[in-house]
Amino acid sequence: MPRYMYRCIDCSEQFCVQHLSNESATECAQCKSKRIKKILTSFSTPSPAAPKFRVGQRTEEFIKEARNDLQQQKSELDKKR
């Protein structure tokens, strides 16, 4: 789903909203004003120098890190008991 940048006319807050292209944000994330304006931004493309990942690699890395964190937290709790 694409991300869109908005700016509040009342408080000048900029915020990002993820939604379909035929939808729009309805209020400012900070002051809840209805007076918001979509900001024109460029789209993101990976640079040729960006590291290449296979499908699911980042997710696997995240899961491994989360498991390691949980194991650390468990061992710390066991030490406290």
C-alpha atoms as a PDB file:
ATOM      1  CA  MET A   1       0.000   0.000   0.000  1.00  0.00           C
ATOM      2  CA  PRO A   2       1.468   3.397  -0.914  1.00  0.00           C
ATOM      3  CA  ARG A   3       2.396   6.038   1.646  1.00  0.00           C
ATOM      4  CA  TYR A   4       1.348   9.659   1.255  1.00  0.00           C
ATOM      5  CA  MET A   5       2.727  12.737   2.975  1.00  0.00           C
ATOM      6  CA  TYR A   6       0.352  15.400   4.283  1.00  0.00           C
ATOM      7  CA  ARG A   7       0.806  18.825   5.892  1.00  0.00           C
ATOM      8  CA  CYS A   8      -1.693  20.382   8.273  1.00  0.00           C
ATOM      9  CA  ILE A   9      -2.671  23.910   7.282  1.00  0.00           C
ATOM     10  CA  ASP A  10      -3.400  24.862  10.918  1.00  0.00           C
ATOM     11  CA  CYS A  11      -0.338  23.549  12.799  1.00  0.00           C
ATOM     12  CA  SER A  12       2.115  22.863   9.902  1.00  0.00           C
ATOM     13  CA  GLU A  13       2.665  19.295  11.120  1.00  0.00           C
ATOM     14  CA  GLN A  14       3.834  16.891   8.404  1.00  0.00           C
ATOM     15  CA  PHE A  15       2.756  13.278   8.660  1.00  0.00           C
ATOM     16  CA  CYS A  16       2.730  10.117   6.598  1.00  0.00           C
ATOM     17  CA  VAL A  17      -0.397   8.034   5.965  1.00  0.00           C
ATOM     18  CA  GLN A  18      -0.586   4.671   4.257  1.00  0.00           C
ATOM     19  CA  HIS A  19      -3.734   4.138   2.186  1.00  0.00           C
ATOM     20  CA  LEU A  20      -5.037   3.279  -1.267  1.00  0.00           C
ATOM     21  CA  SER A  21      -4.709   5.915  -3.986  1.00  0.00           C
ATOM     22  CA  ASN A  22      -8.472   6.513  -4.152  1.00  0.00           C
ATOM     23  CA  GLU A  23      -8.609   7.287  -0.410  1.00  0.00           C
ATOM     24  CA  SER A  24      -7.209  10.226   1.541  1.00  0.00           C
ATOM     25  CA  ALA A  25      -6.324  11.179   5.093  1.00  0.00           C
ATOM     26  CA  THR A  26      -9.157  12.883   6.931  1.00  0.00           C
ATOM     27  CA  GLU A  27      -7.435  14.748   9.766  1.00  0.00           C
ATOM     28  CA  CYS A  28      -4.113  15.942  11.138  1.00  0.00           C
ATOM     29  CA  ALA A  29      -2.287  13.362  13.229  1.00  0.00           C
ATOM     30  CA  GLN A  30      -1.338  15.991  15.836  1.00  0.00           C
ATOM     31  CA  CYS A  31      -4.109  18.598  16.165  1.00  0.00           C
ATOM     32  CA  LYS A  32      -6.957  16.614  14.527  1.00  0.00           C
ATOM     33  CA  SER A  33      -7.739  19.485  12.158  1.00  0.00           C
ATOM     34  CA  LYS A  34      -9.597  18.577   8.974  1.00  0.00           C
ATOM     35  CA  ARG A  35      -7.609  21.184   6.999  1.00  0.00           C
ATOM     36  CA  ILE A  36      -4.815  19.084   5.527  1.00  0.00           C
ATOM     37  CA  LYS A  37      -3.052  19.115   2.176  1.00  0.00           C
ATOM     38  CA  LYS A  38      -1.300  16.277   0.360  1.00  0.00           C
ATOM     39  CA  ILE A  39       2.397  16.988  -0.275  1.00  0.00           C
ATOM     40  CA  LEU A  40       3.891  16.065  -3.625  1.00  0.00           C
ATOM     41  CA  THR A  41       6.782  13.646  -3.054  1.00  0.00           C
ATOM     42  CA  SER A  42       8.931  11.436  -5.238  1.00  0.00           C
ATOM     43  CA  PHE A  43       8.572   7.691  -5.195  1.00  0.00           C
ATOM     44  CA  SER A  44      11.215   5.436  -3.746  1.00  0.00           C
ATOM     45  CA  THR A  45      13.326   3.088  -5.847  1.00  0.00           C
ATOM     46  CA  PRO A  46      16.219   0.983  -4.658  1.00  0.00           C
ATOM     47  CA  SER A  47      19.611   2.296  -5.665  1.00  0.00           C
ATOM     48  CA  PRO A  48      21.974   0.039  -7.597  1.00  0.00           C
ATOM     49  CA  ALA A  49      24.327   0.139  -4.594  1.00  0.00           C
ATOM     50  CA  ALA A  50      21.604  -1.069  -2.212  1.00  0.00           C
ATOM     51  CA  PRO A  51      22.194  -4.558  -0.817  1.00  0.00           C
ATOM     52  CA  LYS A  52      20.282  -7.309  -2.599  1.00  0.00           C
ATOM     53  CA  PHE A  53      18.058  -9.497  -0.431  1.00  0.00           C
ATOM     54  CA  ARG A  54      16.249 -12.639  -1.407  1.00  0.00           C
ATOM     55  CA  VAL A  55      12.504 -12.802  -0.767  1.00  0.00           C
ATOM     56  CA  GLY A  56      11.838 -13.332   2.932  1.00  0.00           C
ATOM     57  CA  GLN A  57      15.444 -12.780   4.016  1.00  0.00           C
ATOM     58  CA  ARG A  58      14.704  -9.607   5.966  1.00  0.00           C
ATOM     59  CA  THR A  59      11.760 -11.309   7.685  1.00  0.00           C
ATOM     60  CA  GLU A  60      13.921 -14.289   8.639  1.00  0.00           C
ATOM     61  CA  GLU A  61      16.562 -11.960  10.084  1.00  0.00           C
ATOM     62  CA  PHE A  62      13.909 -10.077  12.065  1.00  0.00           C
ATOM     63  CA  ILE A  63      12.491 -13.343  13.465  1.00  0.00           C
ATOM     64  CA  LYS A  64      15.951 -14.592  14.472  1.00  0.00           C
ATOM     65  CA  GLU A  65      16.714 -11.311  16.241  1.00  0.00           C
ATOM     66  CA  ALA A  66      13.340 -11.388  18.015  1.00  0.00           C
ATOM     67  CA  ARG A  67      13.938 -14.979  19.166  1.00  0.00           C
ATOM     68  CA  ASN A  68      17.376 -14.054  20.497  1.00  0.00           C
ATOM     69  CA  ASP A  69      15.890 -11.086  22.366  1.00  0.00           C
ATOM     70  CA  LEU A  70      13.181 -13.293  23.885  1.00  0.00           C
ATOM     71  CA  GLN A  71      15.724 -15.895  24.982  1.00  0.00           C
ATOM     72  CA  GLN A  72      17.817 -13.166  26.615  1.00  0.00           C
ATOM     73  CA  GLN A  73      14.787 -11.796  28.428  1.00  0.00           C
ATOM     74  CA  LYS A  74      13.824 -15.308  29.603  1.00  0.00           C
ATOM     75  CA  SER A  75      17.292 -15.988  30.971  1.00  0.00           C
ATOM     76  CA  GLU A  76      17.298 -12.620  32.777  1.00  0.00           C
ATOM     77  CA  LEU A  77      13.931 -13.435  34.348  1.00  0.00           C
ATOM     78  CA  ASP A  78      15.171 -16.890  35.394  1.00  0.00           C
ATOM     79  CA  LYS A  79      18.202 -15.295  37.075  1.00  0.00           C
ATOM     80  CA  LYS A  80      15.921 -12.990  39.077  1.00  0.00           C
ATOM     81  CA  ARG A  81      13.866 -15.914  40.447  1.00  0.00           C
END
